[in-house]
Protein backbone atom coordinates (compact mmCIF):
# COMPACT_ATOMS: atom_id res chain seq x y z
CA MET A 1 -2.96 -17.80 12.61
CA GLU A 2 -0.23 -16.77 15.13
CA SER A 3 2.52 -16.89 12.47
CA MET A 4 0.47 -14.76 10.12
CA GLU A 5 -0.05 -12.16 12.92
CA LYS A 6 3.70 -12.19 13.57
CA GLY A 7 4.38 -11.73 9.86
CA LYS A 8 2.05 -8.85 9.59
CA GLU A 9 3.50 -7.13 12.67
CA ALA A 10 6.94 -7.43 11.13
CA LEU A 11 5.70 -5.93 7.91
CA ILE A 12 4.25 -2.96 9.63
CA SER A 13 7.43 -2.44 11.81
CA SER A 14 9.64 -2.32 8.72
CA ILE A 15 7.34 0.24 7.06
CA GLU A 16 7.34 2.60 10.11
CA ALA A 17 11.20 2.34 10.28
CA ASP A 18 11.72 4.52 7.23
CA ALA A 19 8.78 6.96 6.61
CA THR A 20 10.50 8.85 3.76
CA ALA A 21 10.41 5.66 1.57
CA GLU A 22 7.27 4.09 2.89
CA GLU A 23 5.85 2.91 -0.55
CA GLU A 24 9.16 0.87 -1.42
CA LYS A 25 9.28 -0.59 2.04
CA ILE A 26 5.56 -1.56 1.92
CA LEU A 27 6.18 -3.44 -1.39
CA LYS A 28 9.37 -5.14 -0.23
CA ALA A 29 7.83 -6.32 3.04
CA VAL A 30 4.67 -7.53 1.32
CA TYR A 31 6.76 -9.44 -1.31
CA THR A 32 8.48 -11.27 1.58
CA GLN A 33 5.27 -12.12 3.29
CA VAL A 34 3.82 -13.34 -0.07
CA GLU A 35 6.65 -15.90 -0.23
CA GLU A 36 5.74 -17.04 3.28
CA LYS A 37 2.04 -17.19 2.38
CA LYS A 38 2.83 -19.21 -0.69
CA LYS A 39 4.71 -21.88 1.34
CA TYR A 40 1.73 -21.98 3.71
CA ALA A 41 -0.79 -22.23 0.77
CA GLU A 42 1.18 -25.09 -0.73
CA LYS A 43 1.05 -27.10 2.57
CA LYS A 44 -2.71 -26.20 2.85
CA VAL A 45 -3.34 -27.41 -0.62
CA ALA A 46 -1.45 -30.68 0.03
CA SER A 47 -3.37 -31.25 3.24
CA ILE A 48 -6.88 -30.60 1.70
CA LEU A 49 -6.12 -32.65 -1.37
CA ASP A 50 -4.93 -35.51 0.84
CA ALA A 51 -8.10 -35.33 2.92
CA ALA A 52 -10.30 -35.18 -0.21
CA ARG A 53 -8.58 -38.26 -1.66
CA LYS A 54 -8.99 -40.25 1.51
CA LYS A 55 -12.63 -39.33 1.87
CA ALA A 56 -13.32 -40.10 -1.79
CA GLU A 57 -11.59 -43.45 -1.50
CA GLU A 58 -13.61 -44.37 1.64
CA GLN A 59 -16.86 -43.51 -0.13
CA ALA A 60 -16.25 -44.72 -3.76
CA GLY A 61 -12.76 -46.18 -3.75
CA ILE A 62 -11.67 -43.90 -6.65
CA LEU A 63 -11.13 -40.20 -6.75
CA LYS A 64 -12.14 -39.07 -10.22
CA ASN A 65 -10.36 -36.29 -12.13
CA LYS A 66 -13.48 -34.16 -12.25
CA SER A 67 -13.86 -34.20 -8.41
CA LEU A 68 -10.15 -33.42 -7.93
CA SER A 69 -10.37 -30.42 -10.37
CA ALA A 70 -13.32 -29.06 -8.40
CA VAL A 71 -11.37 -29.37 -5.10
CA GLU A 72 -8.32 -27.63 -6.63
CA LEU A 73 -10.49 -24.79 -7.93
CA GLU A 74 -12.13 -24.28 -4.59
CA ILE A 75 -8.66 -24.26 -2.91
CA LYS A 76 -7.58 -21.55 -5.41
CA ARG A 77 -10.69 -19.50 -4.70
CA HIS A 78 -10.05 -19.67 -1.03
CA ALA A 79 -6.41 -18.69 -1.44
CA LEU A 80 -7.32 -15.67 -3.53
CA HIS A 81 -9.89 -14.49 -1.01
CA SER A 82 -7.36 -14.93 1.84
CA GLN A 83 -4.71 -12.84 -0.07
CA GLN A 84 -7.24 -10.08 -0.78
CA THR A 85 -8.24 -10.03 2.88
CA LEU A 86 -4.52 -9.97 3.85
CA VAL A 87 -3.84 -6.91 1.56
CA LEU A 88 -6.67 -4.92 2.99
CA ASP A 89 -5.49 -5.69 6.51
CA ILE A 90 -2.02 -4.58 5.73
CA MET A 91 -3.18 -1.39 4.07
CA GLU A 92 -5.42 -0.50 7.02
CA GLN A 93 -2.59 -0.98 9.44
CA VAL A 94 -0.16 1.00 7.28
CA SER A 95 -2.67 3.88 7.29
CA GLU A 96 -3.03 3.72 11.16
CA ARG A 97 0.79 3.77 11.52
CA LEU A 98 1.23 6.80 9.24
CA THR A 99 -1.44 8.66 11.21
CA ALA A 100 0.45 7.81 14.46
CA MET A 101 3.66 9.22 12.90
CA ILE A 102 2.28 12.70 12.56
CA ASP A 103 3.52 13.61 16.05
CA GLU A 104 7.08 12.37 15.29
CA LYS A 105 9.83 14.52 14.17
CA ALA A 106 10.60 12.30 11.19
CA TYR A 107 7.19 13.12 9.72
CA ARG A 108 8.45 16.55 8.68
CA ASP A 109 10.62 14.86 6.07
CA VAL A 110 7.49 12.91 4.86
CA LEU A 111 5.55 16.05 4.35
CA ILE A 112 8.52 17.67 2.50
CA ASP A 113 8.76 14.76 0.09
CA TRP A 114 4.92 14.59 -0.50
CA ILE A 115 4.65 18.31 -1.15
CA THR A 116 7.70 18.44 -3.39
CA GLU A 117 6.41 15.55 -5.44
CA ALA A 118 2.99 17.21 -5.78
CA ALA A 119 4.54 20.50 -6.69
CA LEU A 120 6.81 19.03 -9.38
CA GLY A 121 3.78 17.06 -10.68
CA LEU A 122 1.74 20.26 -11.08
CA GLY A 123 4.50 21.91 -13.12
CA GLU A 124 3.22 25.45 -12.30
CA ASP A 125 4.82 28.49 -10.82
CA GLU A 126 2.33 28.94 -7.98
CA ALA A 127 0.30 26.60 -5.93
CA THR A 128 -1.69 26.50 -2.62
CA ILE A 129 -1.22 23.64 -0.13
CA ASN A 130 -3.81 21.99 1.96
CA ALA A 131 -3.56 19.18 4.51
CA SER A 132 -5.46 17.74 7.50
CA ALA A 133 -6.05 19.84 10.55
CA LYS A 134 -3.33 17.89 12.41
CA GLU A 135 -0.80 18.39 9.62
CA ARG A 136 -1.35 22.05 8.75
CA PRO A 137 0.54 23.45 11.72
CA LEU A 138 3.59 21.42 10.59
CA ILE A 139 3.67 23.37 7.22
CA THR A 140 5.69 26.31 8.55
CA LYS A 141 7.55 29.05 6.56
CA ASN A 142 10.85 27.27 7.17
CA LEU A 143 9.42 23.95 5.84
CA LEU A 144 8.11 25.74 2.70
CA ALA A 145 11.46 27.50 2.15
CA GLY A 146 13.11 24.15 2.26
CA ILE A 147 10.75 22.75 -0.32
CA LYS A 148 11.20 25.71 -2.63
CA GLN A 149 14.94 25.12 -2.53
CA LYS A 150 14.41 21.40 -3.27
CA ILE A 151 12.29 22.32 -6.24
CA GLN A 152 14.91 24.82 -7.48
CA THR A 153 17.54 22.08 -7.27
CA GLN A 154 15.54 19.32 -8.96
CA ALA A 155 13.65 21.28 -11.53
CA GLY A 156 15.74 24.43 -11.98
CA ARG A 157 12.84 26.81 -11.41
CA GLU A 158 11.25 28.79 -8.72
CA MET A 159 7.82 28.09 -7.30
CA THR A 160 5.58 30.02 -4.90
CA LEU A 161 3.88 27.84 -2.35
CA VAL A 162 1.43 29.08 0.31
CA LEU A 163 -0.90 27.38 2.78
CA SER A 164 -4.47 27.28 1.52
CA ASP A 165 -7.25 29.27 3.30
CA ASP A 166 -9.69 26.42 2.54
CA PRO A 167 -10.91 24.14 5.31
CA PRO A 168 -8.46 21.30 6.26
CA LEU A 169 -8.58 18.12 4.49
CA SER A 170 -10.71 15.44 6.06
CA SER A 171 -7.87 12.78 5.78
CA GLN A 172 -4.17 12.53 6.16
CA GLY A 173 -1.83 13.74 3.45
CA VAL A 174 -1.51 16.85 1.30
CA ALA A 175 -3.16 18.28 -1.81
CA LEU A 176 -1.77 21.04 -3.99
CA THR A 177 -3.85 23.30 -6.25
CA THR A 178 -2.79 25.76 -8.93
CA ALA A 179 -3.43 29.39 -8.34
CA ASP A 180 -6.33 29.46 -10.79
CA GLY A 181 -7.83 26.37 -9.04
CA ARG A 182 -8.13 24.36 -12.22
CA ILE A 183 -5.45 21.66 -11.53
CA ALA A 184 -4.88 19.73 -8.43
CA PHE A 185 -2.37 17.07 -7.24
CA ASN A 186 -3.75 14.75 -4.57
CA ASN A 187 -1.08 13.26 -2.37
CA GLN A 188 -3.21 12.10 0.46
CA VAL A 189 -2.37 8.78 2.20
CA LYS A 190 -5.52 6.99 0.98
CA THR A 191 -4.65 7.85 -2.56
CA ARG A 192 -0.97 6.71 -2.26
CA ILE A 193 -2.05 3.47 -0.60
CA ARG A 194 -4.66 2.73 -3.25
CA MET A 195 -1.98 3.15 -6.06
CA ASN A 196 0.38 0.83 -4.28
CA GLN A 197 -2.28 -1.76 -3.63
CA ASN A 198 -2.68 -2.49 -7.33
CA GLN A 199 1.15 -3.31 -7.48
CA ILE A 200 0.90 -5.43 -4.38
CA ASN A 201 -2.04 -7.38 -5.64
CA LYS A 202 -0.32 -8.02 -8.96
CA GLN A 203 2.80 -9.21 -7.13
CA ILE A 204 0.75 -11.53 -4.92
CA TYR A 205 -1.08 -13.11 -7.90
CA ASN A 206 2.22 -13.64 -9.75
CA THR A 207 3.90 -15.25 -6.78
CA LEU A 208 1.04 -17.48 -5.70
CA PHE A 209 0.12 -18.71 -9.20
CA SER A 210 3.54 -18.73 -10.85
CA GLY A 211 2.73 -15.73 -12.94
CA ASN A 212 -0.45 -17.38 -14.41
CA GLU A 213 -3.08 -14.79 -13.45
CA GLU A 214 -5.58 -16.27 -15.87
CA GLU A 215 -5.51 -19.51 -13.99
CA ALA A 216 -5.89 -17.65 -10.72
CA LEU A 217 -8.76 -15.72 -11.86
């Protein structure tokens, strides 16, 4: 348990080190931890199987294939549940770390990247920006000017961006809406984490079960 906690703390620390590329660092760190968990799971499987064999030999003298298969299936179910719990725990801690970063200078670059990404995703000439109450004061005229220049460089077009008059978002991150209000690009933290969680889950299944997801499920 202590080694698992140390592994998770190392993962969260690596994510915090580079906020402008938090998605890639999350994946890279999780992949590393998955390998560690795989080694732990293999040892756990060996230990449980050995105990099961000894118990069966004491009771009946022979461990039948059917009983062994049942034990192995239970082990796989336990491993899958443990990995799902681990992913949820990691995502929760990542969200908490990103929230704590709002007060840091480096968070300005995070906002620039998120707003730029959303603006380019909308593909329109005008958009309003909304964010949480704690983030809205960070979206200054200077920050918007830098984003407009970035869009001009990357997309070769000008775009008008203004802070929305709507009430602040209830959670961290940004959301951009076209001038007519018909199209929106949600770049909030919970949305970004949810998208990455699918990739992380897939990588975990592939690693633990040697790419055989059907067997794992």
